[in-house]
Amino acid sequence: MLSFDSCLVSDALERLGLQQGIAGIIRQSTGKRIFGAAVTVTLARSDGTVHKRHLGTTAIDLAQTGDVIVVQHTARDDCAGWGGLLSTAARAKGIAGVVVDGLVRDIDESEELGLPVFSRGVTPVTARNRVSETATNEPVTIGGVMVMPGDYVLADGSGVAVIPHDRLDEVVATARSMLAVENGIRAALARGVPISQAMNETYETLLKPKS
């Protein structure tokens, strides 16, 4: 899957009538593309209760090597929903990366660790006393897209795409066929074919739903 980018996967999802890529969540650290099964976290505005476990720690403990932590952090837009100590633990666990629908902090530390973190922005403001975890490995909504535990997440410099776990083979086959068409266009351009001819109706109909 890492040979496909998020744009191609988004197109394949759209062609199959599934929810396409997520806008606005961008890569904040490293230049890496990630792919893995989702372990989800839900955050909510804190009610003042002091919790025995910090947010995200349960998900890290549950995650397997190569998984992606996905955090729904939409209750507040003035604090982080992920930070450096979590990144340190995630990196040690072999987690592929982290996707947060909200803000994160300690992004320089994540960069130094080599852990890809994707979010809507960054802030130095802590989550403590502001947000708390309400669920781990339950369905979350990220950028309007439902993510179930075990769904597959692909993220890179263009954004994030989520593949339902039971549709992976279908999405891969569709993406592969679409990539073949795009590579044919690239080859034509390399031969000097004008782009107005190379990107003809074949390209324009690539998103036509599969029958």
Foldseek 3Di string as FASTA:
>chain_A
DQVDALVLLQLLCLLQVHHGFFPQWFKLADQGKAKAFEKEWEKAWDPQDDDPDAGPPVSLVPDAARHEYEYEDDRDQAAAPEEQVNLVSNLVRNYQAYTYAHEHENSVNNRVSVHIYIYNYYDHHHCPNTMGIDDIQQWDAHNNHIHHGGWMWIAGRRGITTHGNVCVVVSVVLSVVLVVLVVQLVVCVVVVDDNPVSCDVVVVCSSNHDD
